[in-house]
């Protein structure tokens, strides 16, 4: 069980008014688990984790664990303090997660030096009952990942990999070059999934895998098979939707894409707003174009 393959970061369905829609999550999982995913991530950025309280987070983990018996389940447990991150990681482990994904603390970003981050991640890993993956997503944190930090942390026995979501293939390549082969470096940006795999990424944690499971897994398989022509075609087909979701629509676009794919995207938690009707039409068109590349 690892990040060697495609992992969808699950969205969190909400009902009108903002309550959790756990039934919606269960229905999504029943559909998604039929695909050849390496595992599943709950409480990532696509899951609106920053808008959830602790009880909601633990309830979502419990729901996912029940639905995904025997499958690799990763949960986002990063908080702004080391103490809070350790506490949530332990509680998530009690709910049966296989590994924790720990976001870089970033509110006091000017003080988040390499040394501060090293101490934070090592303290979390020392206290964690489960393996730890690092999580870099500068689009949300405003904190670029120091390439050498992964190499330093890779020596910890419970720090087993990183999800690098900047979309900077050069940075991902430098991380891959600096860590041992057993340390998993997963791409978190579908827009650069293929080139990331070519530079040594272990797999991808890709939001659009929720609505394009067959295309994303087919791209991964094509690279494994050495069929780079097919992989490039699939990457080109994914690029318009991946770029639009990451740079224009965010979670709102991903949830709309899931609705269009017959899953439960659901409403967003305020203050996030849904996409407009014309944007939804565009998403529908981009989904159809990406699926056509499988023919």
C-alpha atoms as a PDB file:
ATOM      1  CA  UNK A   1       0.000   0.000   0.000  1.00  0.00           C
ATOM      2  CA  UNK A   2       1.660   3.196  -1.182  1.00  0.00           C
ATOM      3  CA  UNK A   3       1.498   6.197  -3.506  1.00  0.00           C
ATOM      4  CA  UNK A   4       2.782   4.134  -6.454  1.00  0.00           C
ATOM      5  CA  UNK A   5      -0.110   4.722  -8.814  1.00  0.00           C
ATOM      6  CA  UNK A   6      -3.045   7.132  -8.933  1.00  0.00           C
ATOM      7  CA  UNK A   7      -4.758   8.298  -5.747  1.00  0.00           C
ATOM      8  CA  UNK A   8      -7.887  10.485  -5.816  1.00  0.00           C
ATOM      9  CA  UNK A   9      -8.053  13.160  -3.111  1.00  0.00           C
ATOM     10  CA  UNK A  10     -11.686  12.746  -2.108  1.00  0.00           C
ATOM     11  CA  UNK A  11     -14.066  15.688  -2.066  1.00  0.00           C
ATOM     12  CA  UNK A  12     -16.285  16.246   0.948  1.00  0.00           C
ATOM     13  CA  UNK A  13     -19.940  16.316  -0.083  1.00  0.00           C
ATOM     14  CA  UNK A  14     -22.129  18.742   1.863  1.00  0.00           C
ATOM     15  CA  UNK A  15     -25.886  19.127   2.036  1.00  0.00           C
ATOM     16  CA  UNK A  16     -27.660  22.438   1.496  1.00  0.00           C
ATOM     17  CA  UNK A  17     -26.978  24.428   4.636  1.00  0.00           C
ATOM     18  CA  UNK A  18     -23.472  23.029   5.063  1.00  0.00           C
ATOM     19  CA  UNK A  19     -23.967  19.733   6.927  1.00  0.00           C
ATOM     20  CA  UNK A  20     -21.780  16.766   5.983  1.00  0.00           C
ATOM     21  CA  UNK A  21     -23.285  14.399   3.435  1.00  0.00           C
ATOM     22  CA  UNK A  22     -21.735  11.136   4.616  1.00  0.00           C
ATOM     23  CA  UNK A  23     -24.105   9.137   2.430  1.00  0.00           C
ATOM     24  CA  UNK A  24     -22.819  11.081  -0.552  1.00  0.00           C
ATOM     25  CA  UNK A  25     -19.244  10.173   0.373  1.00  0.00           C
ATOM     26  CA  UNK A  26     -20.230   6.508   0.712  1.00  0.00           C
ATOM     27  CA  UNK A  27     -21.852   6.540  -2.732  1.00  0.00           C
ATOM     28  CA  UNK A  28     -18.775   8.170  -4.256  1.00  0.00           C
ATOM     29  CA  UNK A  29     -16.514   5.566  -2.693  1.00  0.00           C
ATOM     30  CA  UNK A  30     -18.656   2.678  -3.892  1.00  0.00           C
ATOM     31  CA  UNK A  31     -18.150   3.967  -7.434  1.00  0.00           C
ATOM     32  CA  UNK A  32     -14.502   5.006  -7.156  1.00  0.00           C
ATOM     33  CA  UNK A  33     -13.236   1.865  -5.480  1.00  0.00           C
ATOM     34  CA  UNK A  34     -14.095  -0.140  -8.606  1.00  0.00           C
ATOM     35  CA  UNK A  35     -11.221   1.591 -10.395  1.00  0.00           C
ATOM     36  CA  UNK A  36      -7.536   0.662 -10.261  1.00  0.00           C
ATOM     37  CA  UNK A  37      -6.475   3.291  -7.774  1.00  0.00           C
ATOM     38  CA  UNK A  38      -3.452   2.792  -5.546  1.00  0.00           C
ATOM     39  CA  UNK A  39      -5.387   4.243  -2.620  1.00  0.00           C
ATOM     40  CA  UNK A  40      -7.523   7.153  -1.479  1.00  0.00           C
ATOM     41  CA  UNK A  41      -6.902  10.434   0.321  1.00  0.00           C
ATOM     42  CA  UNK A  42      -9.440  11.934   2.698  1.00  0.00           C
ATOM     43  CA  UNK A  43      -9.074  15.452   4.179  1.00  0.00           C
ATOM     44  CA  UNK A  44      -6.842  16.836   1.479  1.00  0.00           C
ATOM     45  CA  UNK A  45      -7.162  20.261  -0.144  1.00  0.00           C
ATOM     46  CA  UNK A  46      -9.840  18.910  -2.500  1.00  0.00           C
ATOM     47  CA  UNK A  47     -11.773  17.765   0.560  1.00  0.00           C
ATOM     48  CA  UNK A  48     -12.082  21.327   1.942  1.00  0.00           C
ATOM     49  CA  UNK A  49     -10.226  20.110   5.026  1.00  0.00           C
ATOM     50  CA  UNK A  50      -9.548  23.636   6.256  1.00  0.00           C
ATOM     51  CA  UNK A  51     -13.315  24.199   6.530  1.00  0.00           C
ATOM     52  CA  UNK A  52     -13.961  21.146   8.722  1.00  0.00           C
ATOM     53  CA  UNK A  53     -13.888  20.845  12.480  1.00  0.00           C
ATOM     54  CA  UNK A  54     -12.191  17.934  14.211  1.00  0.00           C
ATOM     55  CA  UNK A  55     -15.359  15.908  14.782  1.00  0.00           C
ATOM     56  CA  UNK A  56     -16.240  16.213  11.097  1.00  0.00           C
ATOM     57  CA  UNK A  57     -12.755  15.140  10.069  1.00  0.00           C
ATOM     58  CA  UNK A  58     -12.869  12.042  12.242  1.00  0.00           C
ATOM     59  CA  UNK A  59     -16.370  11.187  11.015  1.00  0.00           C
ATOM     60  CA  UNK A  60     -15.202  11.363   7.396  1.00  0.00           C
ATOM     61  CA  UNK A  61     -12.205   9.163   8.144  1.00  0.00           C
ATOM     62  CA  UNK A  62     -14.467   6.616   9.845  1.00  0.00           C
ATOM     63  CA  UNK A  63     -16.837   6.596   6.865  1.00  0.00           C
ATOM     64  CA  UNK A  64     -14.006   6.189   4.369  1.00  0.00           C
ATOM     65  CA  UNK A  65     -12.338   3.454   6.400  1.00  0.00           C
ATOM     66  CA  UNK A  66     -15.577   1.472   6.624  1.00  0.00           C
ATOM     67  CA  UNK A  67     -16.179   1.746   2.875  1.00  0.00           C
ATOM     68  CA  UNK A  68     -12.579   1.002   1.912  1.00  0.00           C
ATOM     69  CA  UNK A  69     -11.801  -2.097   3.904  1.00  0.00           C
ATOM     70  CA  UNK A  70      -8.474  -3.480   2.759  1.00  0.00           C
ATOM     71  CA  UNK A  71      -7.623  -0.429   0.619  1.00  0.00           C
ATOM     72  CA  UNK A  72      -4.868   2.089   1.296  1.00  0.00           C
ATOM     73  CA  UNK A  73      -6.329   5.114   3.105  1.00  0.00           C
ATOM     74  CA  UNK A  74      -4.351   8.294   3.604  1.00  0.00           C
ATOM     75  CA  UNK A  75      -5.666  11.234   5.658  1.00  0.00           C
ATOM     76  CA  UNK A  76      -4.580  14.853   5.822  1.00  0.00           C
ATOM     77  CA  UNK A  77      -3.681  15.664   9.429  1.00  0.00           C
ATOM     78  CA  UNK A  78      -1.576  18.811   9.115  1.00  0.00           C
ATOM     79  CA  UNK A  79      -2.397  21.674  11.465  1.00  0.00           C
ATOM     80  CA  UNK A  80      -0.653  24.943  12.204  1.00  0.00           C
ATOM     81  CA  UNK A  81       1.022  23.758  15.408  1.00  0.00           C
ATOM     82  CA  UNK A  82       3.140  20.684  15.948  1.00  0.00           C
ATOM     83  CA  UNK A  83       1.099  19.776  19.031  1.00  0.00           C
ATOM     84  CA  UNK A  84      -2.228  19.945  17.170  1.00  0.00           C
ATOM     85  CA  UNK A  85      -0.826  17.975  14.230  1.00  0.00           C
ATOM     86  CA  UNK A  86       0.359  15.200  16.530  1.00  0.00           C
ATOM     87  CA  UNK A  87      -3.002  15.080  18.286  1.00  0.00           C
ATOM     88  CA  UNK A  88      -5.008  14.856  15.068  1.00  0.00           C
ATOM     89  CA  UNK A  89      -2.606  12.305  13.558  1.00  0.00           C
ATOM     90  CA  UNK A  90      -3.037  10.043  16.571  1.00  0.00           C
ATOM     91  CA  UNK A  91      -6.816  10.346  16.483  1.00  0.00           C
ATOM     92  CA  UNK A  92      -6.866   9.647  12.747  1.00  0.00           C
ATOM     93  CA  UNK A  93      -4.684   6.588  13.314  1.00  0.00           C
ATOM     94  CA  UNK A  94      -7.201   5.373  15.892  1.00  0.00           C
ATOM     95  CA  UNK A  95      -9.824   5.537  13.118  1.00  0.00           C
ATOM     96  CA  UNK A  96      -7.755   3.156  10.999  1.00  0.00           C
ATOM     97  CA  UNK A  97      -5.842   5.264   8.472  1.00  0.00           C
ATOM     98  CA  UNK A  98      -2.786   3.639   6.905  1.00  0.00           C
ATOM     99  CA  UNK A  99      -0.718   6.829   6.674  1.00  0.00           C
ATOM    100  CA  UNK A 100      -0.907  10.553   7.410  1.00  0.00           C
ATOM    101  CA  UNK A 101      -0.376  13.382   4.927  1.00  0.00           C
ATOM    102  CA  UNK A 102       1.073  16.371   6.788  1.00  0.00           C
ATOM    103  CA  UNK A 103       0.767  19.813   5.245  1.00  0.00           C
ATOM    104  CA  UNK A 104       3.484  22.385   5.850  1.00  0.00           C
ATOM    105  CA  UNK A 105       2.432  24.840   8.582  1.00  0.00           C
ATOM    106  CA  UNK A 106       2.391  28.229   6.930  1.00  0.00           C
ATOM    107  CA  UNK A 107       0.499  30.966   8.783  1.00  0.00           C
ATOM    108  CA  UNK A 108       3.790  32.332  10.131  1.00  0.00           C
ATOM    109  CA  UNK A 109       5.464  31.623   6.819  1.00  0.00           C
ATOM    110  CA  UNK A 110       8.391  34.006   7.260  1.00  0.00           C
ATOM    111  CA  UNK A 111       9.434  31.962  10.297  1.00  0.00           C
ATOM    112  CA  UNK A 112       8.983  28.585   8.596  1.00  0.00           C
ATOM    113  CA  UNK A 113      12.673  28.084   7.962  1.00  0.00           C
ATOM    114  CA  UNK A 114      14.159  24.770   6.882  1.00  0.00           C
ATOM    115  CA  UNK A 115      15.079  24.129  10.506  1.00  0.00           C
ATOM    116  CA  UNK A 116      11.593  24.934  11.833  1.00  0.00           C
ATOM    117  CA  UNK A 117      10.012  22.629   9.261  1.00  0.00           C
ATOM    118  CA  UNK A 118      12.536  19.860   9.907  1.00  0.00           C
ATOM    119  CA  UNK A 119      11.810  19.919  13.627  1.00  0.00           C
ATOM    120  CA  UNK A 120       8.062  20.005  13.006  1.00  0.00           C
ATOM    121  CA  UNK A 121       7.959  17.039  10.652  1.00  0.00           C
ATOM    122  CA  UNK A 122      10.373  14.977  12.725  1.00  0.00           C
ATOM    123  CA  UNK A 123       8.368  15.601  15.910  1.00  0.00           C
ATOM    124  CA  UNK A 124       5.145  14.574  14.161  1.00  0.00           C
ATOM    125  CA  UNK A 125       6.767  11.451  12.741  1.00  0.00           C
ATOM    126  CA  UNK A 126       8.307  10.554  16.124  1.00  0.00           C
ATOM    127  CA  UNK A 127       4.831  10.627  17.691  1.00  0.00           C
ATOM    128  CA  UNK A 128       2.830   9.167  14.798  1.00  0.00           C
ATOM    129  CA  UNK A 129       1.552   5.583  15.031  1.00  0.00           C
ATOM    130  CA  UNK A 130       1.438   5.432  11.200  1.00  0.00           C
ATOM    131  CA  UNK A 131       3.801   6.359   8.349  1.00  0.00           C
ATOM    132  CA  UNK A 132       3.953  10.036   7.406  1.00  0.00           C
ATOM    133  CA  UNK A 133       3.925  11.670   3.984  1.00  0.00           C
ATOM    134  CA  UNK A 134       4.992  15.293   3.611  1.00  0.00           C
ATOM    135  CA  UNK A 135       2.694  17.659   1.723  1.00  0.00           C
ATOM    136  CA  UNK A 136       3.806  20.705  -0.251  1.00  0.00           C
ATOM    137  CA  UNK A 137       1.141  22.852  -1.945  1.00  0.00           C
ATOM    138  CA  UNK A 138       2.484  26.409  -2.291  1.00  0.00           C
ATOM    139  CA  UNK A 139      -0.615  27.606  -4.159  1.00  0.00           C
ATOM    140  CA  UNK A 140      -2.419  27.433  -0.809  1.00  0.00           C
ATOM    141  CA  UNK A 141       0.378  27.808   1.728  1.00  0.00           C
ATOM    142  CA  UNK A 142       2.442  30.445  -0.073  1.00  0.00           C
ATOM    143  CA  UNK A 143       5.472  28.468   1.107  1.00  0.00           C
ATOM    144  CA  UNK A 144       7.774  26.989  -1.547  1.00  0.00           C
ATOM    145  CA  UNK A 145       9.210  23.593  -0.631  1.00  0.00           C
ATOM    146  CA  UNK A 146      12.981  23.604   0.033  1.00  0.00           C
ATOM    147  CA  UNK A 147      14.297  20.842  -2.255  1.00  0.00           C
ATOM    148  CA  UNK A 148      16.939  19.679   0.205  1.00  0.00           C
ATOM    149  CA  UNK A 149      14.472  19.250   3.063  1.00  0.00           C
ATOM    150  CA  UNK A 150      13.003  16.059   1.644  1.00  0.00           C
ATOM    151  CA  UNK A 151      16.465  14.526   1.467  1.00  0.00           C
ATOM    152  CA  UNK A 152      17.038  15.397   5.128  1.00  0.00           C
ATOM    153  CA  UNK A 153      13.687  14.025   6.272  1.00  0.00           C
ATOM    154  CA  UNK A 154      13.908  10.878   4.154  1.00  0.00           C
ATOM    155  CA  UNK A 155      16.246   9.449   6.765  1.00  0.00           C
ATOM    156  CA  UNK A 156      13.451   9.289   9.346  1.00  0.00           C
ATOM    157  CA  UNK A 157      12.054   5.740   9.553  1.00  0.00           C
ATOM    158  CA  UNK A 158       8.422   6.883   9.559  1.00  0.00           C
ATOM    159  CA  UNK A 159       8.656   9.601   6.888  1.00  0.00           C
ATOM    160  CA  UNK A 160       8.072   7.631   3.711  1.00  0.00           C
ATOM    161  CA  UNK A 161       7.294  10.125   0.948  1.00  0.00           C
ATOM    162  CA  UNK A 162       5.985  13.477  -0.210  1.00  0.00           C
ATOM    163  CA  UNK A 163       3.095  14.827  -2.241  1.00  0.00           C
ATOM    164  CA  UNK A 164       4.571  17.718  -4.206  1.00  0.00           C
ATOM    165  CA  UNK A 165       1.816  19.875  -5.715  1.00  0.00           C
ATOM    166  CA  UNK A 166       3.578  22.972  -7.015  1.00  0.00           C
ATOM    167  CA  UNK A 167       3.492  21.815 -10.636  1.00  0.00           C
ATOM    168  CA  UNK A 168       7.227  22.553 -10.845  1.00  0.00           C
ATOM    169  CA  UNK A 169       8.677  19.478 -12.550  1.00  0.00           C
ATOM    170  CA  UNK A 170      12.211  20.746 -11.989  1.00  0.00           C
ATOM    171  CA  UNK A 171      11.640  20.856  -8.223  1.00  0.00           C
ATOM    172  CA  UNK A 172      10.072  17.404  -8.245  1.00  0.00           C
ATOM    173  CA  UNK A 173      13.047  16.085 -10.192  1.00  0.00           C
ATOM    174  CA  UNK A 174      15.499  17.568  -7.678  1.00  0.00           C
ATOM    175  CA  UNK A 175      13.584  15.942  -4.832  1.00  0.00           C
ATOM    176  CA  UNK A 176      13.621  12.572  -6.611  1.00  0.00           C
ATOM    177  CA  UNK A 177      17.364  12.865  -7.192  1.00  0.00           C
ATOM    178  CA  UNK A 178      18.022  13.585  -3.522  1.00  0.00           C
ATOM    179  CA  UNK A 179      16.030  10.813  -1.839  1.00  0.00           C
ATOM    180  CA  UNK A 180      16.445   7.021  -1.821  1.00  0.00           C
ATOM    181  CA  UNK A 181      14.361   4.950  -4.279  1.00  0.00           C
ATOM    182  CA  UNK A 182      12.124   3.726  -1.463  1.00  0.00           C
ATOM    183  CA  UNK A 183      11.029   7.300  -0.673  1.00  0.00           C
ATOM    184  CA  UNK A 184       7.874   8.000  -2.702  1.00  0.00           C
ATOM    185  CA  UNK A 185       7.595  11.331  -4.513  1.00  0.00           C
ATOM    186  CA  UNK A 186       4.034  11.759  -5.755  1.00  0.00           C
ATOM    187  CA  UNK A 187       2.931  14.432  -8.198  1.00  0.00           C
ATOM    188  CA  UNK A 188      -0.008  16.499  -6.967  1.00  0.00           C
ATOM    189  CA  UNK A 189      -0.696  18.318 -10.237  1.00  0.00           C
ATOM    190  CA  UNK A 190      -2.498  16.541 -13.081  1.00  0.00           C
ATOM    191  CA  UNK A 191      -1.285  19.213 -15.502  1.00  0.00           C
ATOM    192  CA  UNK A 192       2.263  17.816 -15.225  1.00  0.00           C
ATOM    193  CA  UNK A 193       1.531  14.178 -14.379  1.00  0.00           C
ATOM    194  CA  UNK A 194       3.261  12.657 -17.401  1.00  0.00           C
ATOM    195  CA  UNK A 195       6.508  14.667 -17.208  1.00  0.00           C
ATOM    196  CA  UNK A 196       6.605  14.048 -13.451  1.00  0.00           C
ATOM    197  CA  UNK A 197       6.411  10.297 -14.009  1.00  0.00           C
ATOM    198  CA  UNK A 198       9.200  10.578 -16.561  1.00  0.00           C
ATOM    199  CA  UNK A 199      11.436  12.264 -13.987  1.00  0.00           C
ATOM    200  CA  UNK A 200      10.831   9.539 -11.407  1.00  0.00           C
ATOM    201  CA  UNK A 201       7.584  10.373  -9.597  1.00  0.00           C
ATOM    202  CA  UNK A 202       6.056   7.309  -7.958  1.00  0.00           C
ATOM    203  CA  UNK A 203       2.496   8.256  -8.917  1.00  0.00           C
ATOM    204  CA  UNK A 204      -0.025  11.030  -8.641  1.00  0.00           C
ATOM    205  CA  UNK A 205      -2.534  12.357  -6.114  1.00  0.00           C
ATOM    206  CA  UNK A 206      -4.801  13.996  -8.663  1.00  0.00           C
ATOM    207  CA  UNK A 207      -8.053  15.840  -8.032  1.00  0.00           C
ATOM    208  CA  UNK A 208      -9.444  15.177 -11.490  1.00  0.00           C
ATOM    209  CA  UNK A 209      -8.993  11.435 -10.933  1.00  0.00           C
ATOM    210  CA  UNK A 210     -12.333  11.701  -9.121  1.00  0.00           C
ATOM    211  CA  UNK A 211     -14.134  12.478 -12.370  1.00  0.00           C
ATOM    212  CA  UNK A 212     -11.668  10.948 -14.862  1.00  0.00           C
ATOM    213  CA  UNK A 213     -10.531   7.730 -13.160  1.00  0.00           C
ATOM    214  CA  UNK A 214     -10.028   5.742 -16.353  1.00  0.00           C
ATOM    215  CA  UNK A 215      -7.983   8.418 -18.127  1.00  0.00           C
ATOM    216  CA  UNK A 216      -5.651   9.114 -15.196  1.00  0.00           C
ATOM    217  CA  UNK A 217      -4.982   5.441 -14.460  1.00  0.00           C
ATOM    218  CA  UNK A 218      -4.522   4.708 -18.174  1.00  0.00           C
ATOM    219  CA  UNK A 219      -1.841   7.410 -18.376  1.00  0.00           C
ATOM    220  CA  UNK A 220       0.024   5.876 -15.437  1.00  0.00           C
ATOM    221  CA  UNK A 221      -0.231   2.402 -16.949  1.00  0.00           C
ATOM    222  CA  UNK A 222       1.003   3.671 -20.316  1.00  0.00           C
ATOM    223  CA  UNK A 223       4.182   5.025 -18.734  1.00  0.00           C
ATOM    224  CA  UNK A 224       4.757   1.738 -16.895  1.00  0.00           C
ATOM    225  CA  UNK A 225       4.304  -0.101 -20.206  1.00  0.00           C
ATOM    226  CA  UNK A 226       6.717   2.199 -21.998  1.00  0.00           C
ATOM    227  CA  UNK A 227       3.981   3.469 -24.323  1.00  0.00           C
ATOM    228  CA  UNK A 228       4.979   7.125 -24.180  1.00  0.00           C
ATOM    229  CA  UNK A 229       3.045   8.074 -27.294  1.00  0.00           C
ATOM    230  CA  UNK A 230      -0.207   7.018 -25.629  1.00  0.00           C
ATOM    231  CA  UNK A 231       0.839   8.644 -22.359  1.00  0.00           C
ATOM    232  CA  UNK A 232       1.516  11.961 -24.108  1.00  0.00           C
ATOM    233  CA  UNK A 233      -1.863  11.848 -25.847  1.00  0.00           C
ATOM    234  CA  UNK A 234      -3.639  11.204 -22.561  1.00  0.00           C
ATOM    235  CA  UNK A 235      -1.701  13.996 -20.853  1.00  0.00           C
ATOM    236  CA  UNK A 236      -2.692  16.403 -23.624  1.00  0.00           C
ATOM    237  CA  UNK A 237      -6.315  15.372 -23.188  1.00  0.00           C
ATOM    238  CA  UNK A 238      -6.179  15.925 -19.422  1.00  0.00           C
ATOM    239  CA  UNK A 239      -4.371  19.245 -19.577  1.00  0.00           C
ATOM    240  CA  UNK A 240      -7.266  21.640 -20.384  1.00  0.00           C
ATOM    241  CA  UNK A 241      -9.448  20.412 -17.515  1.00  0.00           C
ATOM    242  CA  UNK A 242      -6.533  20.016 -15.095  1.00  0.00           C
ATOM    243  CA  UNK A 243      -5.270  23.528 -15.786  1.00  0.00           C
ATOM    244  CA  UNK A 244      -8.721  25.073 -15.548  1.00  0.00           C
ATOM    245  CA  UNK A 245      -9.529  23.364 -12.253  1.00  0.00           C
ATOM    246  CA  UNK A 246      -6.201  24.318 -10.674  1.00  0.00           C
ATOM    247  CA  UNK A 247      -5.996  27.910 -11.903  1.00  0.00           C
ATOM    248  CA  UNK A 248      -9.622  29.023 -12.328  1.00  0.00           C
ATOM    249  CA  UNK A 249     -12.245  26.973 -10.516  1.00  0.00           C
ATOM    250  CA  UNK A 250     -10.575  25.041  -7.738  1.00  0.00           C
ATOM    251  CA  UNK A 251     -12.745  22.730  -5.649  1.00  0.00           C
ATOM    252  CA  UNK A 252     -15.887  24.237  -7.192  1.00  0.00           C
ATOM    253  CA  UNK A 253     -14.824  23.020 -10.629  1.00  0.00           C
ATOM    254  CA  UNK A 254     -13.846  19.610  -9.319  1.00  0.00           C
ATOM    255  CA  UNK A 255     -17.197  19.160  -7.596  1.00  0.00           C
ATOM    256  CA  UNK A 256     -19.025  20.234 -10.751  1.00  0.00           C
ATOM    257  CA  UNK A 257     -16.968  17.710 -12.719  1.00  0.00           C
ATOM    258  CA  UNK A 258     -17.993  14.984 -10.312  1.00  0.00           C
ATOM    259  CA  UNK A 259     -21.648  15.949 -10.669  1.00  0.00           C
ATOM    260  CA  UNK A 260     -21.262  15.708 -14.431  1.00  0.00           C
ATOM    261  CA  UNK A 261     -19.619  12.291 -14.031  1.00  0.00           C
ATOM    262  CA  UNK A 262     -22.615  10.991 -12.085  1.00  0.00           C
ATOM    263  CA  UNK A 263     -21.041  11.232  -8.638  1.00  0.00           C
ATOM    264  CA  UNK A 264     -21.900  13.425  -5.653  1.00  0.00           C
ATOM    265  CA  UNK A 265     -19.882  16.599  -5.811  1.00  0.00           C
ATOM    266  CA  UNK A 266     -22.469  18.454  -3.847  1.00  0.00           C
ATOM    267  CA  UNK A 267     -22.464  22.014  -2.598  1.00  0.00           C
ATOM    268  CA  UNK A 268     -19.433  23.805  -1.234  1.00  0.00           C
ATOM    269  CA  UNK A 269     -18.986  25.076   2.284  1.00  0.00           C
ATOM    270  CA  UNK A 270     -19.203  28.866   2.520  1.00  0.00           C
ATOM    271  CA  UNK A 271     -17.535  31.138   1.665  1.00  0.00           C
ATOM    272  CA  UNK A 272     -16.675  29.095  -1.451  1.00  0.00           C
ATOM    273  CA  UNK A 273     -19.084  29.661  -4.346  1.00  0.00           C
ATOM    274  CA  UNK A 274     -20.201  27.196  -7.032  1.00  0.00           C
ATOM    275  CA  UNK A 275     -19.298  27.503 -10.693  1.00  0.00           C
ATOM    276  CA  UNK A 276     -21.689  29.331 -13.001  1.00  0.00           C
ATOM    277  CA  UNK A 277     -23.886  27.568 -15.554  1.00  0.00           C
ATOM    278  CA  UNK A 278     -21.602  28.565 -18.469  1.00  0.00           C
ATOM    279  CA  UNK A 279     -18.602  27.254 -16.537  1.00  0.00           C
ATOM    280  CA  UNK A 280     -20.437  23.994 -15.899  1.00  0.00           C
ATOM    281  CA  UNK A 281     -21.075  23.677 -19.628  1.00  0.00           C
ATOM    282  CA  UNK A 282     -17.360  24.173 -20.251  1.00  0.00           C
ATOM    283  CA  UNK A 283     -16.485  21.513 -17.685  1.00  0.00           C
ATOM    284  CA  UNK A 284     -18.886  19.071 -19.344  1.00  0.00           C
ATOM    285  CA  UNK A 285     -17.190  19.686 -22.697  1.00  0.00           C
ATOM    286  CA  UNK A 286     -13.685  19.258 -21.265  1.00  0.00           C
ATOM    287  CA  UNK A 287     -14.662  15.990 -19.585  1.00  0.00           C
ATOM    288  CA  UNK A 288     -16.031  14.618 -22.831  1.00  0.00           C
ATOM    289  CA  UNK A 289     -12.886  15.605 -24.722  1.00  0.00           C
ATOM    290  CA  UNK A 290     -10.636  13.919 -22.144  1.00  0.00           C
ATOM    291  CA  UNK A 291     -12.663  10.697 -22.201  1.00  0.00           C
ATOM    292  CA  UNK A 292     -12.522  10.611 -25.993  1.00  0.00           C
ATOM    293  CA  UNK A 293      -8.739  10.173 -25.784  1.00  0.00           C
ATOM    294  CA  UNK A 294      -9.260   6.642 -24.469  1.00  0.00           C
ATOM    295  CA  UNK A 295     -10.841   5.531 -27.728  1.00  0.00           C
END
